[in-house]
Amino acid sequence: MIGTGVQLAVLWLLVRLPVNYLIATALAVEGAILHNYIWHALWTWRERPGSFWRFQVSNGFVSIVSNVLLMRLLTGWAGIPPLPANLAAVVITSAANFCLGDRWVFPYRSALRASSIVERSESLGRVEMIGRTIHPSPVGMSRESEMARHSR
């Protein structure tokens, strides 16, 4: 949501300067992409390794192309003012961007393979891995199958 605010604020500023609304849209989207990557890396998927270039290729491509096309349609053709039109474009593309980030930019399986450090806390009866707590397994379940169950 903050990224949407960043994008709308940059768009508002650039349109006021006056920059063409399509160029302003592309620049505003890129500003939001940079902002969003930082927050996704620090907060949303902090336990997973991410790739800035994958984020640029996936979310950047999807966001810039879809936002510019939707702005051309909504503002250029339908006459909707740039800010409401851009908000609609963000809503339309946000689910696709989140899925790309979750599955390709910050893949969960890579995080599990990358983490070879598993700390055991025998006194507390649990295993801690990458900030997650795995409680003792039920009788008859191996540690590997318990970890696999929690990785889903």
C-alpha atoms as a PDB file:
ATOM      1  CA  MET A   1       0.000   0.000   0.000  1.00  0.00           C
ATOM      2  CA  ILE A   2       2.886   2.343   0.696  1.00  0.00           C
ATOM      3  CA  GLY A   3       4.281   1.562  -2.765  1.00  0.00           C
ATOM      4  CA  THR A   4       0.950   2.628  -4.232  1.00  0.00           C
ATOM      5  CA  GLY A   5       1.252   5.898  -2.322  1.00  0.00           C
ATOM      6  CA  VAL A   6       4.795   6.385  -3.638  1.00  0.00           C
ATOM      7  CA  GLN A   7       3.640   5.706  -7.197  1.00  0.00           C
ATOM      8  CA  LEU A   8       0.664   8.072  -6.975  1.00  0.00           C
ATOM      9  CA  ALA A   9       2.750  10.822  -5.341  1.00  0.00           C
ATOM     10  CA  VAL A  10       5.450  10.637  -8.025  1.00  0.00           C
ATOM     11  CA  LEU A  11       2.794  10.569 -10.760  1.00  0.00           C
ATOM     12  CA  TRP A  12       1.027  13.569  -9.254  1.00  0.00           C
ATOM     13  CA  LEU A  13       4.286  15.524  -9.039  1.00  0.00           C
ATOM     14  CA  LEU A  14       5.393  14.693 -12.582  1.00  0.00           C
ATOM     15  CA  VAL A  15       1.998  15.476 -14.147  1.00  0.00           C
ATOM     16  CA  ARG A  16       2.041  18.841 -12.355  1.00  0.00           C
ATOM     17  CA  LEU A  17       5.518  19.695 -13.788  1.00  0.00           C
ATOM     18  CA  PRO A  18       4.052  19.008 -16.667  1.00  0.00           C
ATOM     19  CA  VAL A  19       5.413  15.707 -17.914  1.00  0.00           C
ATOM     20  CA  ASN A  20       3.384  13.624 -20.384  1.00  0.00           C
ATOM     21  CA  TYR A  21       1.136  11.308 -18.358  1.00  0.00           C
ATOM     22  CA  LEU A  22       2.544   8.142 -20.005  1.00  0.00           C
ATOM     23  CA  ILE A  23       6.180   9.073 -19.296  1.00  0.00           C
ATOM     24  CA  ALA A  24       5.151  10.157 -15.790  1.00  0.00           C
ATOM     25  CA  THR A  25       3.451   6.783 -15.305  1.00  0.00           C
ATOM     26  CA  ALA A  26       6.561   4.818 -16.320  1.00  0.00           C
ATOM     27  CA  LEU A  27       8.767   6.896 -13.993  1.00  0.00           C
ATOM     28  CA  ALA A  28       6.288   6.664 -11.114  1.00  0.00           C
ATOM     29  CA  VAL A  29       6.038   2.894 -11.529  1.00  0.00           C
ATOM     30  CA  GLU A  30       9.833   2.570 -11.467  1.00  0.00           C
ATOM     31  CA  GLY A  31       9.948   4.618  -8.273  1.00  0.00           C
ATOM     32  CA  ALA A  32       7.390   2.293  -6.705  1.00  0.00           C
ATOM     33  CA  ILE A  33       9.298  -0.782  -7.936  1.00  0.00           C
ATOM     34  CA  LEU A  34      12.496   0.379  -6.231  1.00  0.00           C
ATOM     35  CA  HIS A  35      10.596   1.198  -3.050  1.00  0.00           C
ATOM     36  CA  ASN A  36       8.699  -2.100  -3.076  1.00  0.00           C
ATOM     37  CA  TYR A  37      11.791  -4.247  -3.620  1.00  0.00           C
ATOM     38  CA  ILE A  38      13.476  -2.731  -0.589  1.00  0.00           C
ATOM     39  CA  TRP A  39      10.450  -3.363   1.632  1.00  0.00           C
ATOM     40  CA  HIS A  40       9.851  -6.867   0.252  1.00  0.00           C
ATOM     41  CA  ALA A  41      13.492  -7.759   0.944  1.00  0.00           C
ATOM     42  CA  LEU A  42      13.393  -6.234   4.437  1.00  0.00           C
ATOM     43  CA  TRP A  43       9.888  -7.249   5.491  1.00  0.00           C
ATOM     44  CA  THR A  44       7.557  -9.309   3.281  1.00  0.00           C
ATOM     45  CA  TRP A  45      10.024 -12.049   2.317  1.00  0.00           C
ATOM     46  CA  ARG A  46      12.887 -11.244   4.712  1.00  0.00           C
ATOM     47  CA  GLU A  47      13.617 -14.935   5.371  1.00  0.00           C
ATOM     48  CA  ARG A  48      13.994 -15.691   1.654  1.00  0.00           C
ATOM     49  CA  PRO A  49      16.846 -14.687  -0.623  1.00  0.00           C
ATOM     50  CA  GLY A  50      15.689 -12.376  -3.384  1.00  0.00           C
ATOM     51  CA  SER A  51      16.985 -11.084  -6.677  1.00  0.00           C
ATOM     52  CA  PHE A  52      16.733  -7.408  -7.549  1.00  0.00           C
ATOM     53  CA  TRP A  53      17.148  -8.207 -11.249  1.00  0.00           C
ATOM     54  CA  ARG A  54      14.378 -10.802 -11.194  1.00  0.00           C
ATOM     55  CA  PHE A  55      12.183  -8.224  -9.496  1.00  0.00           C
ATOM     56  CA  GLN A  56      12.981  -5.667 -12.209  1.00  0.00           C
ATOM     57  CA  VAL A  57      12.358  -8.188 -14.997  1.00  0.00           C
ATOM     58  CA  SER A  58       9.116  -9.569 -13.561  1.00  0.00           C
ATOM     59  CA  ASN A  59       7.404  -6.884 -11.517  1.00  0.00           C
ATOM     60  CA  GLY A  60       9.053  -4.075 -13.454  1.00  0.00           C
ATOM     61  CA  PHE A  61       7.997  -5.410 -16.824  1.00  0.00           C
ATOM     62  CA  VAL A  62       4.471  -6.330 -15.736  1.00  0.00           C
ATOM     63  CA  SER A  63       3.959  -3.054 -13.882  1.00  0.00           C
ATOM     64  CA  ILE A  64       5.390  -0.662 -16.430  1.00  0.00           C
ATOM     65  CA  VAL A  65       3.781  -2.293 -19.464  1.00  0.00           C
ATOM     66  CA  SER A  66       0.370  -2.823 -17.853  1.00  0.00           C
ATOM     67  CA  ASN A  67       0.289   0.600 -16.182  1.00  0.00           C
ATOM     68  CA  VAL A  68       1.238   2.451 -19.364  1.00  0.00           C
ATOM     69  CA  LEU A  69      -1.274   0.474 -21.440  1.00  0.00           C
ATOM     70  CA  LEU A  70      -4.037   0.903 -18.878  1.00  0.00           C
ATOM     71  CA  MET A  71      -3.263   4.604 -18.513  1.00  0.00           C
ATOM     72  CA  ARG A  72      -3.458   5.014 -22.300  1.00  0.00           C
ATOM     73  CA  LEU A  73      -6.824   3.271 -22.238  1.00  0.00           C
ATOM     74  CA  LEU A  74      -8.261   4.896 -19.111  1.00  0.00           C
ATOM     75  CA  THR A  75      -6.805   8.409 -19.368  1.00  0.00           C
ATOM     76  CA  GLY A  76      -6.051   8.755 -23.078  1.00  0.00           C
ATOM     77  CA  TRP A  77      -9.165   7.101 -24.430  1.00  0.00           C
ATOM     78  CA  ALA A  78     -11.762   7.184 -21.614  1.00  0.00           C
ATOM     79  CA  GLY A  79     -10.723  10.597 -20.249  1.00  0.00           C
ATOM     80  CA  ILE A  80     -10.339   9.500 -16.621  1.00  0.00           C
ATOM     81  CA  PRO A  81      -7.936  11.773 -14.684  1.00  0.00           C
ATOM     82  CA  PRO A  82      -4.428  10.283 -14.242  1.00  0.00           C
ATOM     83  CA  LEU A  83      -4.508   9.581 -10.488  1.00  0.00           C
ATOM     84  CA  PRO A  84      -7.753   7.563 -10.354  1.00  0.00           C
ATOM     85  CA  ALA A  85      -6.792   5.796 -13.586  1.00  0.00           C
ATOM     86  CA  ASN A  86      -3.384   4.885 -12.171  1.00  0.00           C
ATOM     87  CA  LEU A  87      -4.925   3.659  -8.931  1.00  0.00           C
ATOM     88  CA  ALA A  88      -7.144   1.344 -10.986  1.00  0.00           C
ATOM     89  CA  ALA A  89      -4.086   0.118 -12.919  1.00  0.00           C
ATOM     90  CA  VAL A  90      -2.258  -0.631  -9.657  1.00  0.00           C
ATOM     91  CA  VAL A  91      -5.216  -2.613  -8.316  1.00  0.00           C
ATOM     92  CA  ILE A  92      -5.461  -4.598 -11.548  1.00  0.00           C
ATOM     93  CA  THR A  93      -1.755  -5.538 -11.639  1.00  0.00           C
ATOM     94  CA  SER A  94      -0.976  -5.951  -7.937  1.00  0.00           C
ATOM     95  CA  ALA A  95      -2.073  -9.607  -7.659  1.00  0.00           C
ATOM     96  CA  ALA A  96       0.098 -10.643 -10.614  1.00  0.00           C
ATOM     97  CA  ASN A  97       3.077  -8.784  -9.150  1.00  0.00           C
ATOM     98  CA  PHE A  98       2.648 -10.375  -5.738  1.00  0.00           C
ATOM     99  CA  CYS A  99       2.512 -13.859  -7.266  1.00  0.00           C
ATOM    100  CA  LEU A 100       5.630 -13.192  -9.340  1.00  0.00           C
ATOM    101  CA  GLY A 101       7.451 -11.921  -6.268  1.00  0.00           C
ATOM    102  CA  ASP A 102       6.372 -14.846  -4.141  1.00  0.00           C
ATOM    103  CA  ARG A 103       7.132 -17.577  -6.686  1.00  0.00           C
ATOM    104  CA  TRP A 104      10.017 -16.266  -8.806  1.00  0.00           C
ATOM    105  CA  VAL A 105      11.803 -13.328  -7.141  1.00  0.00           C
ATOM    106  CA  PHE A 106      11.754 -14.612  -3.558  1.00  0.00           C
ATOM    107  CA  PRO A 107      11.206 -18.367  -4.045  1.00  0.00           C
ATOM    108  CA  TYR A 108      10.512 -20.299  -0.847  1.00  0.00           C
ATOM    109  CA  ARG A 109      12.342 -23.490  -1.840  1.00  0.00           C
ATOM    110  CA  SER A 110      15.568 -21.574  -2.487  1.00  0.00           C
ATOM    111  CA  ALA A 111      15.442 -20.277   1.065  1.00  0.00           C
ATOM    112  CA  LEU A 112      15.227 -23.776   2.446  1.00  0.00           C
ATOM    113  CA  ARG A 113      18.141 -25.009   0.334  1.00  0.00           C
ATOM    114  CA  ALA A 114      20.203 -21.952   1.182  1.00  0.00           C
ATOM    115  CA  SER A 115      19.762 -22.433   4.893  1.00  0.00           C
ATOM    116  CA  SER A 116      21.910 -25.239   6.107  1.00  0.00           C
ATOM    117  CA  ILE A 117      22.023 -23.942   9.653  1.00  0.00           C
ATOM    118  CA  VAL A 118      19.449 -25.491  11.897  1.00  0.00           C
ATOM    119  CA  GLU A 119      19.743 -24.683  15.537  1.00  0.00           C
ATOM    120  CA  ARG A 120      18.426 -27.195  17.993  1.00  0.00           C
ATOM    121  CA  SER A 121      17.055 -26.204  21.321  1.00  0.00           C
ATOM    122  CA  GLU A 122      16.831 -29.506  23.137  1.00  0.00           C
ATOM    123  CA  SER A 123      15.932 -27.908  26.440  1.00  0.00           C
ATOM    124  CA  LEU A 124      12.853 -26.301  24.932  1.00  0.00           C
ATOM    125  CA  GLY A 125      11.974 -29.329  22.798  1.00  0.00           C
ATOM    126  CA  ARG A 126      11.849 -27.529  19.487  1.00  0.00           C
ATOM    127  CA  VAL A 127      13.930 -26.891  16.394  1.00  0.00           C
ATOM    128  CA  GLU A 128      14.318 -23.306  15.159  1.00  0.00           C
ATOM    129  CA  MET A 129      15.003 -22.706  11.487  1.00  0.00           C
ATOM    130  CA  ILE A 130      15.147 -19.326   9.740  1.00  0.00           C
ATOM    131  CA  GLY A 131      13.043 -17.643  12.374  1.00  0.00           C
ATOM    132  CA  ARG A 132      10.364 -20.339  12.334  1.00  0.00           C
ATOM    133  CA  THR A 133       9.692 -22.709  15.171  1.00  0.00           C
ATOM    134  CA  ILE A 134       8.977 -26.337  14.410  1.00  0.00           C
ATOM    135  CA  HIS A 135       7.407 -28.062  17.361  1.00  0.00           C
ATOM    136  CA  PRO A 136       8.274 -31.635  18.288  1.00  0.00           C
ATOM    137  CA  SER A 137       7.043 -34.148  15.765  1.00  0.00           C
ATOM    138  CA  PRO A 138       4.282 -36.567  16.573  1.00  0.00           C
ATOM    139  CA  VAL A 139       5.373 -40.020  17.624  1.00  0.00           C
ATOM    140  CA  GLY A 140       6.593 -42.030  14.652  1.00  0.00           C
ATOM    141  CA  MET A 141       7.242 -39.045  12.380  1.00  0.00           C
ATOM    142  CA  SER A 142      10.825 -38.433  11.320  1.00  0.00           C
ATOM    143  CA  ARG A 143      12.468 -35.022  11.582  1.00  0.00           C
ATOM    144  CA  GLU A 144      12.715 -34.800   7.760  1.00  0.00           C
ATOM    145  CA  SER A 145       9.029 -35.480   7.209  1.00  0.00           C
ATOM    146  CA  GLU A 146       8.126 -32.988   9.941  1.00  0.00           C
ATOM    147  CA  MET A 147      10.266 -30.324   8.227  1.00  0.00           C
ATOM    148  CA  ALA A 148       8.729 -31.176   4.859  1.00  0.00           C
ATOM    149  CA  ARG A 149       5.259 -30.847   6.387  1.00  0.00           C
ATOM    150  CA  HIS A 150       6.090 -27.331   7.655  1.00  0.00           C
ATOM    151  CA  SER A 151       7.648 -26.248   4.360  1.00  0.00           C
ATOM    152  CA  ARG A 152       4.315 -26.478   2.518  1.00  0.00           C
END
